Amino acid sequence: MEVYFATKALEKRLGSEKARVRAFGSDTARRIRLRIDQLVSSPTLEEMRGFGGRCHELTGDRADQLAVWVTANLRLVFEPADDPVPKRAGGDLDWDHVTAVRILEVVDYHGD
């Protein structure tokens, strides 16, 4: 899958091992890299279901976004970057046809 970053600052923060370790510590940095590598190696979003990490669609004010576990509380949050976003007949996201994502943040959104 093609993986983009929402901002240059985010790409800089997540794009190198040194920056990830500085921002999150070594264990979390390793887990973030694993999730990004899984996204890159997946031909479609559907493949992410096979990696664990509970990849799932978000709801409410985060509708149209997805998340995958990094740690017990931290999530890698992203959105489909396909244009147009693939949808099924009923309007649901078509995971089988999402081939590009945009990483939005790494966050603990449980306090939102």
N, C-alpha and C. Protein backbone atom coordinates (compact mmCIF):
# COMPACT_ATOMS: atom_id res chain seq x y z
N MET A 1 0.85 -1.16 0.00
CA MET A 1 0.00 0.00 0.00
C MET A 1 0.90 1.24 0.00
N GLU A 2 0.41 2.29 -0.62
CA GLU A 2 1.13 3.55 -0.55
C GLU A 2 0.82 4.20 0.78
N VAL A 3 1.85 4.71 1.45
CA VAL A 3 1.68 5.34 2.75
C VAL A 3 2.21 6.76 2.68
N TYR A 4 1.36 7.71 3.05
CA TYR A 4 1.71 9.13 3.07
C TYR A 4 1.58 9.62 4.51
N PHE A 5 2.11 10.80 4.75
CA PHE A 5 1.99 11.44 6.06
C PHE A 5 1.20 12.73 5.90
N ALA A 6 0.37 13.06 6.88
CA ALA A 6 -0.49 14.24 6.80
C ALA A 6 0.32 15.53 6.74
N THR A 7 1.48 15.55 7.41
CA THR A 7 2.32 16.75 7.42
C THR A 7 3.79 16.35 7.30
N LYS A 8 4.60 17.30 6.88
CA LYS A 8 6.06 17.07 6.82
C LYS A 8 6.62 16.85 8.22
N ALA A 9 6.08 17.57 9.20
CA ALA A 9 6.55 17.41 10.58
C ALA A 9 6.28 15.99 11.08
N LEU A 10 5.12 15.44 10.76
CA LEU A 10 4.81 14.08 11.16
C LEU A 10 5.71 13.09 10.45
N GLU A 11 5.96 13.31 9.17
CA GLU A 11 6.86 12.44 8.42
C GLU A 11 8.26 12.47 9.03
N LYS A 12 8.71 13.62 9.43
CA LYS A 12 10.03 13.75 10.06
C LYS A 12 10.05 13.03 11.40
N ARG A 13 8.97 13.14 12.18
CA ARG A 13 8.88 12.52 13.50
C ARG A 13 8.82 11.00 13.44
N LEU A 14 8.13 10.48 12.40
CA LEU A 14 7.95 9.04 12.30
C LEU A 14 8.86 8.38 11.27
N GLY A 15 9.51 9.17 10.44
CA GLY A 15 10.25 8.63 9.31
C GLY A 15 11.63 8.07 9.60
N SER A 16 12.19 8.42 10.74
CA SER A 16 13.52 7.88 11.06
C SER A 16 13.50 7.25 12.45
N GLU A 17 14.33 6.25 12.61
CA GLU A 17 14.41 5.54 13.89
C GLU A 17 14.81 6.51 15.00
N LYS A 18 15.79 7.34 14.73
CA LYS A 18 16.28 8.28 15.74
C LYS A 18 15.17 9.22 16.20
N ALA A 19 14.40 9.76 15.27
CA ALA A 19 13.31 10.67 15.62
C ALA A 19 12.20 9.94 16.38
N ARG A 20 11.88 8.72 15.96
CA ARG A 20 10.84 7.94 16.67
C ARG A 20 11.26 7.64 18.10
N VAL A 21 12.52 7.22 18.29
CA VAL A 21 13.00 6.90 19.63
C VAL A 21 12.99 8.15 20.50
N ARG A 22 13.42 9.27 19.95
CA ARG A 22 13.42 10.52 20.70
C ARG A 22 11.99 10.91 21.13
N ALA A 23 11.03 10.71 20.25
CA ALA A 23 9.64 11.11 20.53
C ALA A 23 8.89 10.12 21.42
N PHE A 24 9.18 8.81 21.28
CA PHE A 24 8.33 7.81 21.92
C PHE A 24 9.07 6.80 22.79
N GLY A 25 10.39 6.79 22.78
CA GLY A 25 11.13 5.75 23.47
C GLY A 25 11.35 4.56 22.54
N SER A 26 12.32 3.73 22.85
CA SER A 26 12.74 2.68 21.91
C SER A 26 11.68 1.60 21.66
N ASP A 27 10.99 1.14 22.71
CA ASP A 27 10.01 0.07 22.51
C ASP A 27 8.82 0.56 21.67
N THR A 28 8.29 1.71 22.00
CA THR A 28 7.15 2.25 21.25
C THR A 28 7.58 2.61 19.84
N ALA A 29 8.79 3.15 19.67
CA ALA A 29 9.31 3.47 18.33
C ALA A 29 9.36 2.22 17.47
N ARG A 30 9.78 1.10 18.05
CA ARG A 30 9.84 -0.16 17.31
C ARG A 30 8.45 -0.61 16.90
N ARG A 31 7.47 -0.45 17.77
CA ARG A 31 6.09 -0.85 17.47
C ARG A 31 5.47 0.04 16.39
N ILE A 32 5.78 1.33 16.42
CA ILE A 32 5.29 2.24 15.38
C ILE A 32 5.87 1.82 14.04
N ARG A 33 7.18 1.54 14.00
CA ARG A 33 7.82 1.12 12.75
C ARG A 33 7.18 -0.16 12.23
N LEU A 34 6.88 -1.10 13.12
CA LEU A 34 6.22 -2.35 12.73
C LEU A 34 4.89 -2.06 12.05
N ARG A 35 4.07 -1.18 12.63
CA ARG A 35 2.76 -0.88 12.04
C ARG A 35 2.90 -0.19 10.69
N ILE A 36 3.85 0.73 10.58
CA ILE A 36 4.07 1.39 9.28
C ILE A 36 4.54 0.37 8.25
N ASP A 37 5.46 -0.50 8.65
CA ASP A 37 5.94 -1.55 7.73
C ASP A 37 4.80 -2.46 7.29
N GLN A 38 3.88 -2.78 8.20
CA GLN A 38 2.73 -3.62 7.85
C GLN A 38 1.84 -2.91 6.83
N LEU A 39 1.62 -1.62 7.02
CA LEU A 39 0.83 -0.87 6.04
C LEU A 39 1.50 -0.90 4.68
N VAL A 40 2.79 -0.63 4.65
CA VAL A 40 3.54 -0.60 3.38
C VAL A 40 3.51 -1.95 2.68
N SER A 41 3.62 -3.02 3.44
CA SER A 41 3.71 -4.35 2.83
C SER A 41 2.35 -4.93 2.43
N SER A 42 1.27 -4.30 2.84
CA SER A 42 -0.07 -4.79 2.52
C SER A 42 -0.53 -4.24 1.17
N PRO A 43 -0.96 -5.09 0.25
CA PRO A 43 -1.46 -4.58 -1.03
C PRO A 43 -2.75 -3.78 -0.87
N THR A 44 -3.59 -4.16 0.11
CA THR A 44 -4.82 -3.43 0.39
C THR A 44 -5.01 -3.34 1.90
N LEU A 45 -5.90 -2.49 2.32
CA LEU A 45 -6.19 -2.33 3.74
C LEU A 45 -6.71 -3.63 4.35
N GLU A 46 -7.42 -4.42 3.58
CA GLU A 46 -7.96 -5.68 4.09
C GLU A 46 -6.86 -6.56 4.67
N GLU A 47 -5.67 -6.53 4.10
CA GLU A 47 -4.55 -7.35 4.58
C GLU A 47 -4.16 -6.99 6.01
N MET A 48 -4.43 -5.77 6.45
CA MET A 48 -4.06 -5.35 7.80
C MET A 48 -4.80 -6.15 8.86
N ARG A 49 -5.95 -6.69 8.53
CA ARG A 49 -6.70 -7.50 9.50
C ARG A 49 -5.91 -8.74 9.91
N GLY A 50 -5.06 -9.24 9.02
CA GLY A 50 -4.28 -10.44 9.30
C GLY A 50 -3.07 -10.23 10.18
N PHE A 51 -2.69 -8.99 10.42
CA PHE A 51 -1.49 -8.70 11.20
C PHE A 51 -1.76 -8.56 12.69
N GLY A 52 -2.98 -8.61 13.11
CA GLY A 52 -3.27 -8.30 14.51
C GLY A 52 -3.26 -6.78 14.66
N GLY A 53 -3.17 -6.32 15.86
CA GLY A 53 -3.15 -4.89 16.08
C GLY A 53 -4.51 -4.23 16.03
N ARG A 54 -5.54 -5.04 15.82
CA ARG A 54 -6.93 -4.56 15.87
C ARG A 54 -7.18 -3.33 14.99
N CYS A 55 -6.82 -3.44 13.75
CA CYS A 55 -7.07 -2.36 12.79
C CYS A 55 -8.58 -2.19 12.67
N HIS A 56 -9.05 -0.97 12.88
CA HIS A 56 -10.50 -0.75 12.90
C HIS A 56 -10.86 0.66 12.49
N GLU A 57 -12.10 0.80 12.02
CA GLU A 57 -12.63 2.10 11.66
C GLU A 57 -13.07 2.82 12.93
N LEU A 58 -12.91 4.13 12.93
CA LEU A 58 -13.31 4.94 14.06
C LEU A 58 -14.69 5.55 13.80
N THR A 59 -15.28 6.08 14.84
CA THR A 59 -16.63 6.64 14.73
C THR A 59 -16.67 8.04 15.33
N GLY A 60 -17.84 8.62 15.34
CA GLY A 60 -18.02 9.94 15.94
C GLY A 60 -17.25 11.01 15.20
N ASP A 61 -16.54 11.87 15.94
CA ASP A 61 -15.79 12.94 15.31
C ASP A 61 -14.56 12.44 14.57
N ARG A 62 -14.28 11.16 14.67
CA ARG A 62 -13.17 10.54 13.94
C ARG A 62 -13.66 9.63 12.81
N ALA A 63 -14.92 9.77 12.43
CA ALA A 63 -15.46 8.99 11.31
C ALA A 63 -14.58 9.22 10.09
N ASP A 64 -14.45 8.21 9.26
CA ASP A 64 -13.60 8.21 8.06
C ASP A 64 -12.12 8.04 8.39
N GLN A 65 -11.79 7.81 9.66
CA GLN A 65 -10.43 7.51 10.06
C GLN A 65 -10.38 6.07 10.55
N LEU A 66 -9.16 5.51 10.56
CA LEU A 66 -8.94 4.17 11.07
C LEU A 66 -7.80 4.23 12.07
N ALA A 67 -7.68 3.18 12.87
CA ALA A 67 -6.60 3.12 13.84
C ALA A 67 -6.12 1.69 13.97
N VAL A 68 -4.86 1.57 14.37
CA VAL A 68 -4.28 0.28 14.68
C VAL A 68 -3.50 0.45 15.98
N TRP A 69 -3.56 -0.56 16.83
CA TRP A 69 -2.89 -0.51 18.12
C TRP A 69 -1.38 -0.40 17.95
N VAL A 70 -0.78 0.46 18.77
CA VAL A 70 0.67 0.52 18.91
C VAL A 70 1.03 -0.03 20.29
N THR A 71 0.37 0.52 21.32
CA THR A 71 0.49 0.01 22.69
C THR A 71 -0.93 -0.10 23.25
N ALA A 72 -1.04 -0.40 24.53
CA ALA A 72 -2.36 -0.53 25.15
C ALA A 72 -3.22 0.71 24.93
N ASN A 73 -2.62 1.90 24.93
CA ASN A 73 -3.39 3.13 24.76
C ASN A 73 -3.07 3.89 23.48
N LEU A 74 -1.88 3.76 22.95
CA LEU A 74 -1.49 4.52 21.75
C LEU A 74 -2.00 3.87 20.48
N ARG A 75 -2.48 4.71 19.56
CA ARG A 75 -2.96 4.23 18.27
C ARG A 75 -2.29 5.00 17.14
N LEU A 76 -2.00 4.30 16.07
CA LEU A 76 -1.56 4.92 14.82
C LEU A 76 -2.85 5.20 14.05
N VAL A 77 -3.16 6.46 13.84
CA VAL A 77 -4.42 6.88 13.21
C VAL A 77 -4.13 7.30 11.78
N PHE A 78 -4.96 6.81 10.85
CA PHE A 78 -4.77 7.10 9.44
C PHE A 78 -6.11 7.15 8.73
N GLU A 79 -6.07 7.56 7.47
CA GLU A 79 -7.28 7.63 6.66
C GLU A 79 -6.97 7.12 5.27
N PRO A 80 -7.98 6.63 4.56
CA PRO A 80 -7.75 6.22 3.17
C PRO A 80 -7.30 7.45 2.37
N ALA A 81 -6.32 7.24 1.48
CA ALA A 81 -5.82 8.34 0.65
C ALA A 81 -6.19 8.14 -0.81
N ASP A 82 -6.94 7.08 -1.10
CA ASP A 82 -7.40 6.86 -2.47
C ASP A 82 -8.37 7.98 -2.85
N ASP A 83 -8.37 8.36 -4.12
CA ASP A 83 -9.29 9.40 -4.60
C ASP A 83 -10.00 8.89 -5.84
N PRO A 84 -11.27 8.54 -5.73
CA PRO A 84 -12.13 8.64 -4.55
C PRO A 84 -11.89 7.49 -3.58
N VAL A 85 -12.36 7.67 -2.35
CA VAL A 85 -12.24 6.61 -1.35
C VAL A 85 -13.17 5.47 -1.76
N PRO A 86 -12.65 4.23 -1.85
CA PRO A 86 -13.48 3.09 -2.26
C PRO A 86 -14.59 2.80 -1.24
N LYS A 87 -15.81 2.74 -1.73
CA LYS A 87 -16.97 2.45 -0.87
C LYS A 87 -17.75 1.28 -1.46
N ARG A 88 -18.38 0.52 -0.59
CA ARG A 88 -19.29 -0.55 -1.02
C ARG A 88 -20.63 0.08 -1.38
N ALA A 89 -21.51 -0.72 -1.94
CA ALA A 89 -22.83 -0.23 -2.38
C ALA A 89 -23.59 0.45 -1.24
N GLY A 90 -23.45 -0.04 -0.03
CA GLY A 90 -24.16 0.54 1.12
C GLY A 90 -23.48 1.77 1.70
N GLY A 91 -22.33 2.15 1.16
CA GLY A 91 -21.62 3.33 1.64
C GLY A 91 -20.49 3.05 2.61
N ASP A 92 -20.34 1.77 3.01
CA ASP A 92 -19.25 1.41 3.91
C ASP A 92 -17.92 1.42 3.17
N LEU A 93 -16.85 1.63 3.92
CA LEU A 93 -15.50 1.59 3.35
C LEU A 93 -15.22 0.21 2.77
N ASP A 94 -14.70 0.16 1.57
CA ASP A 94 -14.35 -1.11 0.91
C ASP A 94 -12.88 -1.40 1.16
N TRP A 95 -12.61 -2.10 2.24
CA TRP A 95 -11.24 -2.40 2.66
C TRP A 95 -10.45 -3.13 1.57
N ASP A 96 -11.13 -3.91 0.75
CA ASP A 96 -10.46 -4.68 -0.31
C ASP A 96 -9.89 -3.80 -1.41
N HIS A 97 -10.32 -2.55 -1.50
CA HIS A 97 -9.88 -1.68 -2.58
C HIS A 97 -9.14 -0.42 -2.12
N VAL A 98 -8.90 -0.30 -0.82
CA VAL A 98 -8.08 0.80 -0.31
C VAL A 98 -6.62 0.42 -0.53
N THR A 99 -5.92 1.20 -1.35
CA THR A 99 -4.52 0.90 -1.68
C THR A 99 -3.57 2.01 -1.29
N ALA A 100 -4.08 3.03 -0.61
CA ALA A 100 -3.25 4.15 -0.15
C ALA A 100 -3.85 4.71 1.13
N VAL A 101 -2.97 5.05 2.08
CA VAL A 101 -3.42 5.65 3.34
C VAL A 101 -2.54 6.85 3.68
N ARG A 102 -3.11 7.73 4.49
CA ARG A 102 -2.40 8.91 4.97
C ARG A 102 -2.36 8.82 6.49
N ILE A 103 -1.16 8.75 7.07
CA ILE A 103 -1.02 8.70 8.52
C ILE A 103 -1.28 10.09 9.08
N LEU A 104 -2.16 10.16 10.07
CA LEU A 104 -2.57 11.43 10.65
C LEU A 104 -1.88 11.75 11.96
N GLU A 105 -1.69 10.71 12.79
CA GLU A 105 -1.07 10.94 14.09
C GLU A 105 -0.85 9.62 14.82
N VAL A 106 -0.06 9.70 15.88
CA VAL A 106 0.06 8.64 16.86
C VAL A 106 -0.43 9.28 18.15
N VAL A 107 -1.49 8.70 18.71
CA VAL A 107 -2.19 9.39 19.79
C VAL A 107 -2.88 8.41 20.73
N ASP A 108 -3.06 8.87 21.96
CA ASP A 108 -3.95 8.19 22.91
C ASP A 108 -5.23 9.02 22.91
N TYR A 109 -6.24 8.59 22.14
CA TYR A 109 -7.47 9.36 22.01
C TYR A 109 -8.53 8.94 23.01
N HIS A 110 -8.19 8.09 23.94
CA HIS A 110 -9.19 7.58 24.86
C HIS A 110 -9.68 8.62 25.85
N GLY A 111 -8.93 9.71 26.03
CA GLY A 111 -9.35 10.78 26.93
C GLY A 111 -10.18 11.84 26.24
N ASP A 112 -10.34 11.71 24.88
CA ASP A 112 -11.11 12.70 24.11
C ASP A 112 -12.56 12.72 24.52
